Amino acid sequence: MQKHLSVLKRARQNKIRKARNTHVKKLIKTAIKNTNEKIESGNEEEARKSLTQTMSVIDRAVSKGIVHDNNGSRKISRLSSKIDSVKKKKS
């Protein structure tokens, strides 16, 4: 490893940022999983509430640059369409 101070500092920063990013990505995956479980149960009302919470988590990650804009939009869109399909099945 290099002995330059700037390299050492950059390594420390990367370690902290990686830990933060992985934490936020785990939050996103957990929120999506919870929403999918509620969609599978067929309860549209609970699924919509869960979707708003999931959208909030994803939007925060997008605003911080942890997830790309299009990636976040795609995740939200897919969850929304799943909820709409549950609504159509009931009708």
N, C-alpha and C. Protein backbone atom coordinates (compact mmCIF):
# COMPACT_ATOMS: atom_id res chain seq x y z
N MET A 1 0.84 -1.18 0.00
CA MET A 1 0.00 0.00 0.00
C MET A 1 0.88 1.24 0.00
N GLN A 2 0.37 2.29 -0.58
CA GLN A 2 1.13 3.54 -0.69
C GLN A 2 1.26 4.21 0.67
N LYS A 3 2.26 5.08 0.76
CA LYS A 3 2.48 5.78 2.02
C LYS A 3 2.10 7.25 1.94
N HIS A 4 1.59 7.68 0.78
CA HIS A 4 1.18 9.07 0.66
C HIS A 4 -0.05 9.31 1.53
N LEU A 5 -0.09 10.45 2.15
CA LEU A 5 -1.20 10.75 3.04
C LEU A 5 -2.52 10.80 2.30
N SER A 6 -2.50 11.34 1.08
CA SER A 6 -3.74 11.44 0.32
C SER A 6 -4.29 10.06 -0.03
N VAL A 7 -3.41 9.11 -0.30
CA VAL A 7 -3.85 7.76 -0.63
C VAL A 7 -4.45 7.09 0.61
N LEU A 8 -3.82 7.30 1.74
CA LEU A 8 -4.33 6.71 2.98
C LEU A 8 -5.70 7.30 3.34
N LYS A 9 -5.83 8.60 3.16
CA LYS A 9 -7.11 9.25 3.46
C LYS A 9 -8.19 8.75 2.51
N ARG A 10 -7.84 8.63 1.22
CA ARG A 10 -8.82 8.16 0.25
C ARG A 10 -9.27 6.73 0.58
N ALA A 11 -8.37 5.90 1.06
CA ALA A 11 -8.71 4.52 1.45
C ALA A 11 -9.68 4.53 2.64
N ARG A 12 -9.44 5.42 3.60
CA ARG A 12 -10.35 5.53 4.74
C ARG A 12 -11.73 5.99 4.29
N GLN A 13 -11.77 6.97 3.40
CA GLN A 13 -13.05 7.48 2.91
C GLN A 13 -13.82 6.41 2.15
N ASN A 14 -13.11 5.66 1.32
CA ASN A 14 -13.76 4.61 0.54
C ASN A 14 -14.36 3.54 1.44
N LYS A 15 -13.66 3.21 2.50
CA LYS A 15 -14.14 2.19 3.43
C LYS A 15 -15.44 2.64 4.10
N ILE A 16 -15.49 3.88 4.53
CA ILE A 16 -16.68 4.43 5.18
C ILE A 16 -17.84 4.50 4.18
N ARG A 17 -17.55 4.98 2.97
CA ARG A 17 -18.60 5.12 1.96
C ARG A 17 -19.15 3.77 1.53
N LYS A 18 -18.28 2.78 1.42
CA LYS A 18 -18.73 1.45 1.04
C LYS A 18 -19.69 0.88 2.08
N ALA A 19 -19.35 1.08 3.35
CA ALA A 19 -20.21 0.60 4.43
C ALA A 19 -21.57 1.29 4.38
N ARG A 20 -21.58 2.59 4.15
CA ARG A 20 -22.83 3.35 4.07
C ARG A 20 -23.66 2.90 2.88
N ASN A 21 -23.01 2.72 1.74
CA ASN A 21 -23.72 2.32 0.52
C ASN A 21 -24.33 0.93 0.66
N THR A 22 -23.59 0.00 1.23
CA THR A 22 -24.12 -1.35 1.38
C THR A 22 -25.31 -1.35 2.34
N HIS A 23 -25.24 -0.53 3.37
CA HIS A 23 -26.36 -0.44 4.32
C HIS A 23 -27.62 0.06 3.62
N VAL A 24 -27.48 1.10 2.82
CA VAL A 24 -28.64 1.67 2.14
C VAL A 24 -29.19 0.68 1.11
N LYS A 25 -28.30 -0.03 0.41
CA LYS A 25 -28.76 -1.01 -0.57
C LYS A 25 -29.50 -2.16 0.11
N LYS A 26 -29.06 -2.54 1.29
CA LYS A 26 -29.77 -3.58 2.04
C LYS A 26 -31.15 -3.07 2.46
N LEU A 27 -31.24 -1.80 2.84
CA LEU A 27 -32.55 -1.23 3.19
C LEU A 27 -33.50 -1.28 2.00
N ILE A 28 -32.98 -0.98 0.81
CA ILE A 28 -33.80 -1.01 -0.40
C ILE A 28 -34.29 -2.44 -0.66
N LYS A 29 -33.38 -3.39 -0.59
CA LYS A 29 -33.76 -4.78 -0.86
C LYS A 29 -34.79 -5.28 0.14
N THR A 30 -34.62 -4.92 1.40
CA THR A 30 -35.57 -5.34 2.43
C THR A 30 -36.94 -4.70 2.19
N ALA A 31 -36.95 -3.43 1.84
CA ALA A 31 -38.22 -2.74 1.60
C ALA A 31 -38.94 -3.36 0.40
N ILE A 32 -38.20 -3.67 -0.65
CA ILE A 32 -38.81 -4.28 -1.83
C ILE A 32 -39.35 -5.66 -1.49
N LYS A 33 -38.59 -6.42 -0.70
CA LYS A 33 -39.03 -7.75 -0.30
C LYS A 33 -40.33 -7.68 0.51
N ASN A 34 -40.40 -6.73 1.44
CA ASN A 34 -41.61 -6.58 2.25
C ASN A 34 -42.81 -6.19 1.38
N THR A 35 -42.58 -5.31 0.42
CA THR A 35 -43.66 -4.90 -0.47
C THR A 35 -44.14 -6.08 -1.31
N ASN A 36 -43.19 -6.86 -1.82
CA ASN A 36 -43.57 -8.03 -2.62
C ASN A 36 -44.36 -9.04 -1.80
N GLU A 37 -44.00 -9.22 -0.54
CA GLU A 37 -44.74 -10.13 0.33
C GLU A 37 -46.18 -9.67 0.51
N LYS A 38 -46.36 -8.37 0.66
CA LYS A 38 -47.72 -7.83 0.83
C LYS A 38 -48.51 -7.92 -0.46
N ILE A 39 -47.82 -7.80 -1.60
CA ILE A 39 -48.49 -7.96 -2.89
C ILE A 39 -48.96 -9.41 -3.04
N GLU A 40 -48.08 -10.35 -2.67
CA GLU A 40 -48.41 -11.76 -2.79
C GLU A 40 -49.59 -12.15 -1.89
N SER A 41 -49.68 -11.49 -0.73
CA SER A 41 -50.80 -11.80 0.17
C SER A 41 -52.13 -11.33 -0.41
N GLY A 42 -52.08 -10.38 -1.35
CA GLY A 42 -53.30 -9.94 -2.02
C GLY A 42 -53.96 -8.73 -1.38
N ASN A 43 -53.40 -8.22 -0.30
CA ASN A 43 -53.98 -7.06 0.36
C ASN A 43 -53.45 -5.80 -0.32
N GLU A 44 -54.28 -5.20 -1.16
CA GLU A 44 -53.85 -4.05 -1.95
C GLU A 44 -53.57 -2.82 -1.09
N GLU A 45 -54.37 -2.62 -0.07
CA GLU A 45 -54.22 -1.44 0.78
C GLU A 45 -52.87 -1.44 1.51
N GLU A 46 -52.54 -2.58 2.11
CA GLU A 46 -51.25 -2.68 2.79
C GLU A 46 -50.09 -2.59 1.81
N ALA A 47 -50.28 -3.15 0.62
CA ALA A 47 -49.24 -3.10 -0.40
C ALA A 47 -48.98 -1.66 -0.82
N ARG A 48 -50.02 -0.87 -0.96
CA ARG A 48 -49.85 0.54 -1.34
C ARG A 48 -49.10 1.33 -0.25
N LYS A 49 -49.44 1.05 1.02
CA LYS A 49 -48.74 1.72 2.12
C LYS A 49 -47.26 1.33 2.11
N SER A 50 -47.01 0.06 1.89
CA SER A 50 -45.63 -0.42 1.85
C SER A 50 -44.90 0.19 0.65
N LEU A 51 -45.63 0.37 -0.46
CA LEU A 51 -45.01 0.96 -1.64
C LEU A 51 -44.56 2.39 -1.38
N THR A 52 -45.36 3.16 -0.66
CA THR A 52 -44.96 4.55 -0.39
C THR A 52 -43.69 4.58 0.47
N GLN A 53 -43.59 3.67 1.42
CA GLN A 53 -42.38 3.61 2.24
C GLN A 53 -41.18 3.18 1.41
N THR A 54 -41.39 2.21 0.53
CA THR A 54 -40.31 1.74 -0.34
C THR A 54 -39.87 2.84 -1.30
N MET A 55 -40.83 3.58 -1.83
CA MET A 55 -40.50 4.68 -2.73
C MET A 55 -39.65 5.72 -2.01
N SER A 56 -39.96 5.97 -0.76
CA SER A 56 -39.20 6.93 0.02
C SER A 56 -37.75 6.48 0.19
N VAL A 57 -37.57 5.20 0.50
CA VAL A 57 -36.22 4.66 0.69
C VAL A 57 -35.44 4.74 -0.61
N ILE A 58 -36.09 4.36 -1.72
CA ILE A 58 -35.41 4.38 -3.02
C ILE A 58 -35.07 5.81 -3.42
N ASP A 59 -36.00 6.73 -3.24
CA ASP A 59 -35.77 8.13 -3.62
C ASP A 59 -34.62 8.75 -2.83
N ARG A 60 -34.52 8.38 -1.54
CA ARG A 60 -33.40 8.89 -0.75
C ARG A 60 -32.07 8.36 -1.27
N ALA A 61 -32.05 7.09 -1.65
CA ALA A 61 -30.82 6.50 -2.19
C ALA A 61 -30.45 7.15 -3.52
N VAL A 62 -31.45 7.45 -4.33
CA VAL A 62 -31.19 8.10 -5.62
C VAL A 62 -30.65 9.50 -5.39
N SER A 63 -31.21 10.24 -4.45
CA SER A 63 -30.77 11.61 -4.21
C SER A 63 -29.35 11.66 -3.67
N LYS A 64 -28.94 10.60 -2.95
CA LYS A 64 -27.58 10.55 -2.42
C LYS A 64 -26.59 9.98 -3.42
N GLY A 65 -27.08 9.49 -4.55
CA GLY A 65 -26.19 8.97 -5.58
C GLY A 65 -25.78 7.52 -5.36
N ILE A 66 -26.44 6.83 -4.45
CA ILE A 66 -26.10 5.44 -4.18
C ILE A 66 -26.65 4.54 -5.28
N VAL A 67 -27.83 4.90 -5.77
CA VAL A 67 -28.47 4.17 -6.86
C VAL A 67 -28.71 5.16 -7.99
N HIS A 68 -28.53 4.71 -9.23
CA HIS A 68 -28.74 5.58 -10.39
C HIS A 68 -30.22 5.93 -10.52
N ASP A 69 -30.49 7.09 -11.11
CA ASP A 69 -31.86 7.57 -11.26
C ASP A 69 -32.75 6.55 -11.97
N ASN A 70 -32.27 6.03 -13.09
CA ASN A 70 -33.07 5.09 -13.88
C ASN A 70 -33.29 3.79 -13.13
N ASN A 71 -32.31 3.36 -12.36
CA ASN A 71 -32.43 2.14 -11.58
C ASN A 71 -33.54 2.30 -10.54
N GLY A 72 -33.54 3.43 -9.85
CA GLY A 72 -34.58 3.69 -8.86
C GLY A 72 -35.96 3.78 -9.48
N SER A 73 -36.04 4.46 -10.62
CA SER A 73 -37.33 4.59 -11.31
C SER A 73 -37.84 3.23 -11.76
N ARG A 74 -36.93 2.39 -12.24
CA ARG A 74 -37.32 1.07 -12.71
C ARG A 74 -37.87 0.22 -11.56
N LYS A 75 -37.22 0.28 -10.42
CA LYS A 75 -37.68 -0.50 -9.26
C LYS A 75 -39.08 -0.05 -8.83
N ILE A 76 -39.29 1.25 -8.77
CA ILE A 76 -40.58 1.80 -8.36
C ILE A 76 -41.66 1.43 -9.38
N SER A 77 -41.33 1.53 -10.65
CA SER A 77 -42.28 1.24 -11.71
C SER A 77 -42.71 -0.22 -11.67
N ARG A 78 -41.77 -1.11 -11.47
CA ARG A 78 -42.10 -2.53 -11.44
C ARG A 78 -42.99 -2.88 -10.25
N LEU A 79 -42.70 -2.27 -9.09
CA LEU A 79 -43.54 -2.52 -7.93
C LEU A 79 -44.96 -1.98 -8.15
N SER A 80 -45.05 -0.80 -8.76
CA SER A 80 -46.36 -0.19 -9.01
C SER A 80 -47.18 -1.05 -9.96
N SER A 81 -46.53 -1.56 -10.99
CA SER A 81 -47.26 -2.39 -11.94
C SER A 81 -47.71 -3.70 -11.31
N LYS A 82 -46.91 -4.24 -10.39
CA LYS A 82 -47.32 -5.46 -9.68
C LYS A 82 -48.57 -5.21 -8.85
N ILE A 83 -48.60 -4.06 -8.18
CA ILE A 83 -49.77 -3.73 -7.36
C ILE A 83 -50.99 -3.53 -8.25
N ASP A 84 -50.81 -2.89 -9.39
CA ASP A 84 -51.93 -2.70 -10.32
C ASP A 84 -52.44 -4.03 -10.84
N SER A 85 -51.56 -4.99 -11.05
CA SER A 85 -52.00 -6.30 -11.53
C SER A 85 -52.83 -7.01 -10.47
N VAL A 86 -52.50 -6.82 -9.19
CA VAL A 86 -53.29 -7.39 -8.11
C VAL A 86 -54.69 -6.79 -8.12
N LYS A 87 -54.76 -5.50 -8.38
CA LYS A 87 -56.06 -4.80 -8.42
C LYS A 87 -56.91 -5.34 -9.58
N LYS A 88 -56.28 -5.60 -10.74
CA LYS A 88 -57.01 -6.10 -11.90
C LYS A 88 -57.50 -7.54 -11.66
N LYS A 89 -56.70 -8.34 -10.94
CA LYS A 89 -57.11 -9.71 -10.67
C LYS A 89 -58.35 -9.75 -9.79
N LYS A 90 -58.46 -8.80 -8.86
CA LYS A 90 -59.62 -8.77 -7.97
C LYS A 90 -60.88 -8.35 -8.72
N SER A 91 -60.72 -7.52 -9.72
CA SER A 91 -61.90 -7.00 -10.46
C SER A 91 -62.52 -8.04 -11.34
